[in-house]
């Protein structure tokens, strides 16, 4: 598909008539305004008659499926690989700031008093913004008249215990206990669970998956250890082979993303997961993010189109100095013009940039299953 804009910038119906596009480009009747997806703009006045298009979006933590359909064709299809490293980057930035504040030569006072608590955490805010931005970008090149998102609402209790129902939602495992710690100690019989000798009397409650790595205060992630073995474990002197519990971080975050999208965009319509699954199985279509989006967009027997695979990347790495284990800090004097995942052309072939090295003297890029380093001219 070639996506078409009117002379005033209004999105028109896309076309698959590549011969007509080439002739118009040769005669100067159109100009290219975007390379991906390939979009042209007419230089002459034309009729603005369009057909109604429906956009379906399959929400996702790491992959988002999108499909835009008309009554006869699917005019756009893509799977977006979105960022999942925002929480990690924020934690890394916090550690760098803490280090700088402790440096006497570069001291900067803490700014807690003039910081305002945000309504959403940065990782969730980024996901909501990404889902919205995908839709806004498509509205710039396609005359979309209806937007439908799959509004799944994850049941945390049923994920942990599939047969739960009725009153059992209220009668949890902690019923009758004063707090979580009391329940964990009673569950483990007030005994250290390290399975080692030399236990001391004082008991602690240990997080199996550390909170710094996304662990929660759920009972399945807590364990009773004595003070001695708890200290040895954190010091790296002791290892305990315990299966880490299944985290519900992804499901919790997607519940928030769903509610925020519907709250901020009241014109969005909802589709539900069980409906999508039923229709997909009726048509015999395999489960993928794009196929789910096709069903959400009321796709049934329309002619399918090529699926774009799009990866989201950071617009800019603001870190000028990075600490590397066992090596001196890497100092960059400037922001490089070529950033990782940029599309570059070398000797008539296209590659994906991997980054700059040696203060911008060399460029690392991938292509043809190889990695090359070329000195910058």
Protein backbone atom coordinates (compact mmCIF):
# COMPACT_ATOMS: atom_id res chain seq x y z
CA UNK A 1 0.00 0.00 0.00
CA UNK A 2 1.04 3.57 -0.77
CA UNK A 3 -0.56 6.08 1.60
CA UNK A 4 -1.88 9.30 0.09
CA UNK A 5 -2.45 12.81 1.47
CA UNK A 6 -4.39 15.59 -0.23
CA UNK A 7 -2.81 18.90 -1.16
CA UNK A 8 -3.99 20.31 2.20
CA UNK A 9 -2.55 17.33 4.15
CA UNK A 10 -5.83 15.49 4.71
CA UNK A 11 -5.47 11.67 4.59
CA UNK A 12 -7.08 9.98 1.60
CA UNK A 13 -7.60 6.32 0.74
CA UNK A 14 -4.34 4.41 0.16
CA UNK A 15 -3.59 2.85 -3.21
CA UNK A 16 -1.83 -0.26 -4.49
CA UNK A 17 -1.50 1.15 -8.05
CA UNK A 18 2.27 1.50 -8.05
CA UNK A 19 2.39 2.31 -11.77
CA UNK A 20 0.12 5.32 -11.24
CA UNK A 21 2.30 6.46 -8.32
CA UNK A 22 5.47 6.25 -10.42
CA UNK A 23 3.92 8.23 -13.28
CA UNK A 24 2.67 10.92 -10.90
CA UNK A 25 6.12 11.20 -9.32
CA UNK A 26 7.71 11.49 -12.76
CA UNK A 27 5.28 14.24 -13.79
CA UNK A 28 5.63 16.14 -10.49
CA UNK A 29 2.01 15.59 -9.47
CA UNK A 30 2.97 14.12 -6.09
CA UNK A 31 5.81 14.46 -3.62
CA UNK A 32 7.15 11.95 -1.11
CA UNK A 33 6.55 13.06 2.48
CA UNK A 34 7.43 9.88 4.36
CA UNK A 35 9.58 6.91 3.50
CA UNK A 36 8.11 4.45 5.99
CA UNK A 37 5.33 3.74 5.59
CA UNK A 38 5.66 5.12 2.06
CA UNK A 39 3.43 8.21 1.92
CA UNK A 40 2.92 10.70 -0.88
CA UNK A 41 1.12 14.06 -1.04
CA UNK A 42 -0.76 15.36 -4.05
CA UNK A 43 0.36 18.71 -5.46
CA UNK A 44 -3.01 19.35 -7.13
CA UNK A 45 -6.53 19.67 -5.78
CA UNK A 46 -8.60 16.50 -5.70
CA UNK A 47 -11.83 15.12 -4.30
CA UNK A 48 -11.71 14.25 -0.62
CA UNK A 49 -14.19 11.36 -0.78
CA UNK A 50 -13.03 8.49 1.44
CA UNK A 51 -14.37 5.19 2.72
CA UNK A 52 -14.85 4.48 6.45
CA UNK A 53 -11.86 2.69 7.98
CA UNK A 54 -11.75 0.86 11.30
CA UNK A 55 -8.59 0.60 13.39
CA UNK A 56 -8.16 -2.33 15.77
CA UNK A 57 -5.42 -2.37 18.40
CA UNK A 58 -4.38 -5.39 20.43
CA UNK A 59 -2.86 -3.98 23.63
CA UNK A 60 0.41 -5.54 24.74
CA UNK A 61 3.19 -5.23 27.29
CA UNK A 62 6.02 -5.83 24.81
CA UNK A 63 4.24 -6.18 21.44
CA UNK A 64 1.27 -4.20 20.12
CA UNK A 65 -0.77 -5.43 17.17
CA UNK A 66 -2.51 -2.95 14.83
CA UNK A 67 -4.80 -3.48 11.87
CA UNK A 68 -6.81 -1.01 9.76
CA UNK A 69 -9.58 -2.43 7.59
CA UNK A 70 -12.19 -1.27 5.10
CA UNK A 71 -15.17 -3.30 3.93
CA UNK A 72 -13.06 -5.11 1.32
CA UNK A 73 -9.36 -4.81 2.28
CA UNK A 74 -6.93 -4.59 5.15
CA UNK A 75 -5.03 -1.39 4.33
CA UNK A 76 -2.48 -1.42 7.16
CA UNK A 77 -1.08 -4.14 9.43
CA UNK A 78 1.82 -3.98 11.88
CA UNK A 79 3.31 -5.38 15.05
CA UNK A 80 5.16 -2.86 17.21
CA UNK A 81 7.93 -3.96 19.56
CA UNK A 82 7.68 -1.35 22.28
CA UNK A 83 10.14 -0.49 25.03
CA UNK A 84 10.15 -2.48 28.26
CA UNK A 85 13.26 -0.90 29.81
CA UNK A 86 11.82 2.35 31.16
CA UNK A 87 11.68 1.20 34.79
CA UNK A 88 15.26 -0.07 34.54
CA UNK A 89 16.49 3.20 33.02
CA UNK A 90 14.77 5.27 35.70
CA UNK A 91 16.42 3.14 38.41
CA UNK A 92 19.79 3.56 36.73
CA UNK A 93 19.34 7.34 36.51
CA UNK A 94 18.41 7.45 40.19
CA UNK A 95 21.64 5.65 41.15
CA UNK A 96 23.73 8.06 39.04
CA UNK A 97 22.08 11.07 40.67
CA UNK A 98 22.63 9.63 44.14
CA UNK A 99 26.31 9.11 43.33
CA UNK A 100 26.71 12.67 42.05
CA UNK A 101 25.09 14.13 45.14
CA UNK A 102 27.65 12.28 47.26
CA UNK A 103 30.57 13.67 45.25
CA UNK A 104 32.02 16.71 46.99
CA UNK A 105 33.28 18.22 43.74
CA UNK A 106 29.97 17.80 41.94
CA UNK A 107 27.51 18.10 44.82
CA UNK A 108 23.92 18.84 43.98
CA UNK A 109 21.34 19.03 46.72
CA UNK A 110 18.34 16.73 46.70
CA UNK A 111 15.20 18.26 45.18
CA UNK A 112 12.50 16.30 46.94
CA UNK A 113 10.64 19.41 48.12
CA UNK A 114 10.11 20.82 44.62
CA UNK A 115 9.18 17.54 42.96
CA UNK A 116 5.53 16.80 42.31
CA UNK A 117 4.26 13.26 42.52
CA UNK A 118 3.02 12.13 39.11
CA UNK A 119 -0.34 10.47 38.64
CA UNK A 120 1.26 7.55 36.77
CA UNK A 121 4.60 5.84 37.14
CA UNK A 122 7.05 6.55 34.27
CA UNK A 123 6.88 2.98 32.90
CA UNK A 124 3.06 2.98 32.80
CA UNK A 125 2.91 6.53 31.43
CA UNK A 126 5.26 5.50 28.63
CA UNK A 127 3.09 2.51 27.70
CA UNK A 128 -0.11 4.55 27.65
CA UNK A 129 1.57 7.25 25.58
CA UNK A 130 3.01 4.69 23.15
CA UNK A 131 -0.38 3.06 22.52
CA UNK A 132 -1.92 6.48 21.90
CA UNK A 133 0.95 7.67 19.69
CA UNK A 134 0.65 4.61 17.43
CA UNK A 135 -2.99 5.52 16.80
CA UNK A 136 -2.27 9.24 16.31
CA UNK A 137 0.46 8.50 13.74
CA UNK A 138 -1.90 6.31 11.72
CA UNK A 139 -4.61 8.96 11.83
CA UNK A 140 -2.19 11.28 10.02
CA UNK A 141 -2.00 9.02 6.95
CA UNK A 142 -5.35 7.16 6.98
CA UNK A 143 -8.96 8.45 7.18
CA UNK A 144 -9.83 6.37 10.25
CA UNK A 145 -13.45 6.74 11.37
CA UNK A 146 -13.59 4.21 14.23
CA UNK A 147 -11.06 2.99 16.80
CA UNK A 148 -11.49 -0.26 18.74
CA UNK A 149 -9.13 -1.58 21.41
CA UNK A 150 -9.22 -4.98 23.08
CA UNK A 151 -10.11 -4.17 26.68
CA UNK A 152 -8.97 -7.23 28.61
CA UNK A 153 -9.33 -7.00 32.39
CA UNK A 154 -7.05 -9.53 34.08
CA UNK A 155 -8.42 -11.31 37.17
CA UNK A 156 -5.37 -11.61 39.47
CA UNK A 157 -7.03 -14.05 41.87
CA UNK A 158 -8.07 -16.37 39.03
CA UNK A 159 -4.58 -16.24 37.51
CA UNK A 160 -3.18 -17.60 40.79
CA UNK A 161 -6.10 -20.01 41.41
CA UNK A 162 -8.14 -20.82 38.27
CA UNK A 163 -10.99 -22.56 40.17
CA UNK A 164 -11.70 -19.63 42.54
CA UNK A 165 -15.29 -18.38 42.66
CA UNK A 166 -17.94 -16.70 44.83
CA UNK A 167 -17.10 -16.19 48.49
CA UNK A 168 -13.59 -17.62 48.00
CA UNK A 169 -12.54 -14.23 46.63
CA UNK A 170 -13.01 -12.84 50.16
CA UNK A 171 -11.58 -15.81 52.05
CA UNK A 172 -7.94 -15.56 51.02
CA UNK A 173 -4.99 -17.40 52.51
CA UNK A 174 -4.31 -14.50 54.90
CA UNK A 175 -7.76 -14.53 56.46
CA UNK A 176 -7.50 -14.50 60.28
CA UNK A 177 -3.93 -13.15 60.38
CA UNK A 178 -2.98 -9.67 61.58
CA UNK A 179 -0.61 -8.94 58.68
CA UNK A 180 1.37 -10.61 55.91
CA UNK A 181 4.44 -11.21 58.09
CA UNK A 182 2.39 -13.05 60.72
CA UNK A 183 0.88 -15.26 58.01
CA UNK A 184 4.30 -16.11 56.50
CA UNK A 185 5.79 -17.03 59.89
CA UNK A 186 2.79 -19.21 60.73
CA UNK A 187 2.79 -20.82 57.28
CA UNK A 188 6.47 -21.79 57.65
CA UNK A 189 5.99 -23.02 61.22
CA UNK A 190 8.19 -20.27 62.71
CA UNK A 191 11.20 -22.14 61.31
CA UNK A 192 14.07 -21.02 59.09
CA UNK A 193 13.53 -22.43 55.59
CA UNK A 194 17.19 -22.31 54.53
CA UNK A 195 17.65 -25.99 55.38
CA UNK A 196 21.06 -25.27 56.93
CA UNK A 197 22.52 -25.78 60.37
CA UNK A 198 23.45 -23.02 62.79
CA UNK A 199 20.15 -21.10 62.78
CA UNK A 200 19.64 -18.28 65.26
CA UNK A 201 16.44 -17.48 67.12
CA UNK A 202 15.50 -14.19 65.42
CA UNK A 203 13.44 -14.67 62.25
CA UNK A 204 13.12 -12.46 59.16
CA UNK A 205 10.80 -12.52 56.15
CA UNK A 206 12.82 -12.70 52.93
CA UNK A 207 11.77 -11.72 49.37
CA UNK A 208 12.56 -14.61 47.01
CA UNK A 209 12.55 -12.26 44.02
CA UNK A 210 14.11 -9.06 45.33
CA UNK A 211 11.91 -5.96 45.26
CA UNK A 212 14.69 -4.14 43.40
CA UNK A 213 14.13 -6.64 40.56
CA UNK A 214 10.36 -6.33 40.47
CA UNK A 215 9.42 -8.69 43.30
CA UNK A 216 6.23 -8.09 45.23
CA UNK A 217 4.99 -8.53 48.81
CA UNK A 218 2.73 -11.40 47.76
CA UNK A 219 2.93 -14.41 50.13
CA UNK A 220 4.18 -16.62 47.29
CA UNK A 221 7.26 -14.38 47.07
CA UNK A 222 8.03 -14.41 50.81
CA UNK A 223 9.99 -16.92 52.89
CA UNK A 224 10.98 -17.26 56.54
CA UNK A 225 14.74 -17.14 57.23
CA UNK A 226 16.68 -16.68 60.44
CA UNK A 227 18.76 -13.52 60.82
CA UNK A 228 22.07 -15.33 60.20
CA UNK A 229 21.07 -17.10 56.99
CA UNK A 230 19.24 -14.03 55.74
CA UNK A 231 22.43 -11.99 56.05
CA UNK A 232 24.50 -14.77 54.42
CA UNK A 233 22.08 -14.92 51.51
CA UNK A 234 22.33 -11.20 50.78
CA UNK A 235 26.12 -11.34 51.18
CA UNK A 236 26.35 -14.06 48.56
CA UNK A 237 27.61 -16.69 51.00
CA UNK A 238 24.47 -18.82 50.77
CA UNK A 239 22.28 -20.05 47.94
CA UNK A 240 18.76 -21.39 48.28
CA UNK A 241 17.21 -23.32 45.42
CA UNK A 242 13.63 -22.08 45.51
CA UNK A 243 11.39 -21.68 42.49
CA UNK A 244 10.56 -18.02 42.08
CA UNK A 245 6.86 -17.25 41.98
CA UNK A 246 5.06 -16.06 38.88
CA UNK A 247 4.97 -12.29 38.91
CA UNK A 248 1.75 -10.48 38.00
CA UNK A 249 3.51 -7.25 37.08
CA UNK A 250 2.60 -7.51 33.40
CA UNK A 251 -1.09 -8.19 34.02
CA UNK A 252 -1.33 -5.41 36.61
CA UNK A 253 0.30 -2.89 34.29
CA UNK A 254 -1.94 -3.80 31.35
CA UNK A 255 -5.05 -3.36 33.53
CA UNK A 256 -3.91 0.19 34.27
CA UNK A 257 -3.02 0.89 30.62
CA UNK A 258 -6.47 -0.33 29.52
CA UNK A 259 -8.33 1.84 32.03
CA UNK A 260 -6.22 4.93 31.25
CA UNK A 261 -6.72 4.60 27.48
CA UNK A 262 -10.50 4.36 27.86
CA UNK A 263 -10.55 7.22 30.38
CA UNK A 264 -8.43 9.56 28.26
CA UNK A 265 -10.12 8.62 24.97
CA UNK A 266 -13.88 8.29 25.47
CA UNK A 267 -14.35 7.94 21.69
CA UNK A 268 -12.54 4.56 21.69
CA UNK A 269 -14.74 1.47 21.48
CA UNK A 270 -14.10 -1.79 23.34
CA UNK A 271 -13.68 -5.37 22.21
CA UNK A 272 -13.20 -8.28 24.59
CA UNK A 273 -10.69 -11.10 24.55
CA UNK A 274 -13.20 -13.95 24.53
CA UNK A 275 -14.94 -12.44 21.49
CA UNK A 276 -11.63 -12.08 19.64
CA UNK A 277 -10.63 -15.65 20.43
CA UNK A 278 -13.97 -17.07 19.29
CA UNK A 279 -13.94 -15.20 15.95
CA UNK A 280 -10.28 -16.07 15.31
CA UNK A 281 -10.89 -19.77 15.90
CA UNK A 282 -13.98 -19.69 13.67
CA UNK A 283 -11.86 -18.32 10.82
CA UNK A 284 -8.99 -20.72 11.53
CA UNK A 285 -6.44 -17.93 11.93
CA UNK A 286 -3.36 -18.58 14.14
CA UNK A 287 -2.91 -16.43 17.23
CA UNK A 288 -0.63 -13.46 16.66
CA UNK A 289 -0.86 -9.86 17.78
CA UNK A 290 -1.61 -8.73 14.24
CA UNK A 291 -4.29 -11.39 13.68
CA UNK A 292 -5.97 -10.41 16.95
CA UNK A 293 -5.91 -6.77 15.83
CA UNK A 294 -7.45 -7.82 12.49
CA UNK A 295 -10.37 -9.48 14.31
CA UNK A 296 -10.74 -6.48 16.65
CA UNK A 297 -10.97 -4.17 13.59
CA UNK A 298 -13.99 -6.23 12.45
CA UNK A 299 -11.83 -8.04 9.94
CA UNK A 300 -13.39 -11.24 8.63
CA UNK A 301 -12.93 -11.95 4.93
CA UNK A 302 -11.07 -8.82 3.79
CA UNK A 303 -7.98 -9.20 1.66
CA UNK A 304 -4.93 -9.12 3.96
CA UNK A 305 -1.89 -6.92 3.45
CA UNK A 306 1.80 -7.12 4.33
CA UNK A 307 2.58 -6.93 8.05
CA UNK A 308 5.14 -4.30 9.09
CA UNK A 309 7.45 -5.16 11.97
CA UNK A 310 8.31 -1.92 13.78
CA UNK A 311 10.66 -1.57 16.78
CA UNK A 312 10.42 1.42 19.10
CA UNK A 313 13.73 3.01 20.05
CA UNK A 314 14.91 5.74 22.36
CA UNK A 315 14.98 9.11 20.68
CA UNK A 316 18.17 10.09 22.45
CA UNK A 317 20.56 8.62 25.01
CA UNK A 318 21.11 11.62 27.27
CA UNK A 319 23.88 9.96 29.29
CA UNK A 320 27.24 11.54 28.45
CA UNK A 321 29.21 9.59 31.05
CA UNK A 322 28.54 5.93 31.76
CA UNK A 323 30.24 3.78 34.37
CA UNK A 324 31.47 0.43 33.08
CA UNK A 325 32.46 -2.42 35.38
CA UNK A 326 36.23 -2.76 35.59
CA UNK A 327 36.91 0.08 33.15
CA UNK A 328 37.30 3.82 33.22
CA UNK A 329 34.15 5.88 32.66
CA UNK A 330 33.31 6.43 29.01
CA UNK A 331 33.28 10.16 28.20
CA UNK A 332 31.41 11.41 25.14
CA UNK A 333 32.00 14.96 24.00
CA UNK A 334 28.88 15.24 21.86
CA UNK A 335 25.65 13.57 20.86
CA UNK A 336 26.34 11.49 17.78
CA UNK A 337 24.29 12.17 14.66
CA UNK A 338 23.78 8.44 14.08
CA UNK A 339 21.97 6.67 16.92
CA UNK A 340 21.42 2.91 17.47
CA UNK A 341 18.70 1.36 15.25
CA UNK A 342 18.92 4.20 12.72
CA UNK A 343 18.62 3.11 9.07
CA UNK A 344 21.82 3.82 7.13
CA UNK A 345 23.03 3.21 3.58
CA UNK A 346 26.58 2.03 2.77
CA UNK A 347 27.84 1.16 -0.71
CA UNK A 348 24.30 0.95 -2.05
CA UNK A 349 23.04 -1.39 0.70
CA UNK A 350 20.91 -0.65 3.75
CA UNK A 351 21.95 -1.52 7.30
CA UNK A 352 20.81 -0.90 10.86
CA UNK A 353 23.15 1.21 12.97
CA UNK A 354 24.53 -0.39 16.11
CA UNK A 355 26.19 2.72 17.54
CA UNK A 356 29.30 4.87 17.41
CA UNK A 357 32.67 3.93 18.91
CA UNK A 358 36.00 5.60 19.70
CA UNK A 359 34.44 9.05 20.25
CA UNK A 360 32.50 8.86 17.01
CA UNK A 361 35.40 7.77 14.79
CA UNK A 362 33.86 4.39 13.94
CA UNK A 363 30.35 3.24 13.12
CA UNK A 364 29.08 -0.23 14.01
CA UNK A 365 26.24 -1.59 11.90
CA UNK A 366 24.47 -4.85 11.12
CA UNK A 367 23.37 -6.31 7.81
CA UNK A 368 23.57 -9.56 5.88
CA UNK A 369 24.04 -11.40 9.20
CA UNK A 370 27.32 -9.55 9.80
CA UNK A 371 28.58 -6.73 11.98
CA UNK A 372 30.90 -4.18 10.39
CA UNK A 373 32.87 -1.26 11.79
CA UNK A 374 33.52 1.45 9.23
CA UNK A 375 35.61 4.52 9.87
CA UNK A 376 33.52 7.65 9.59
CA UNK A 377 34.43 10.03 6.76
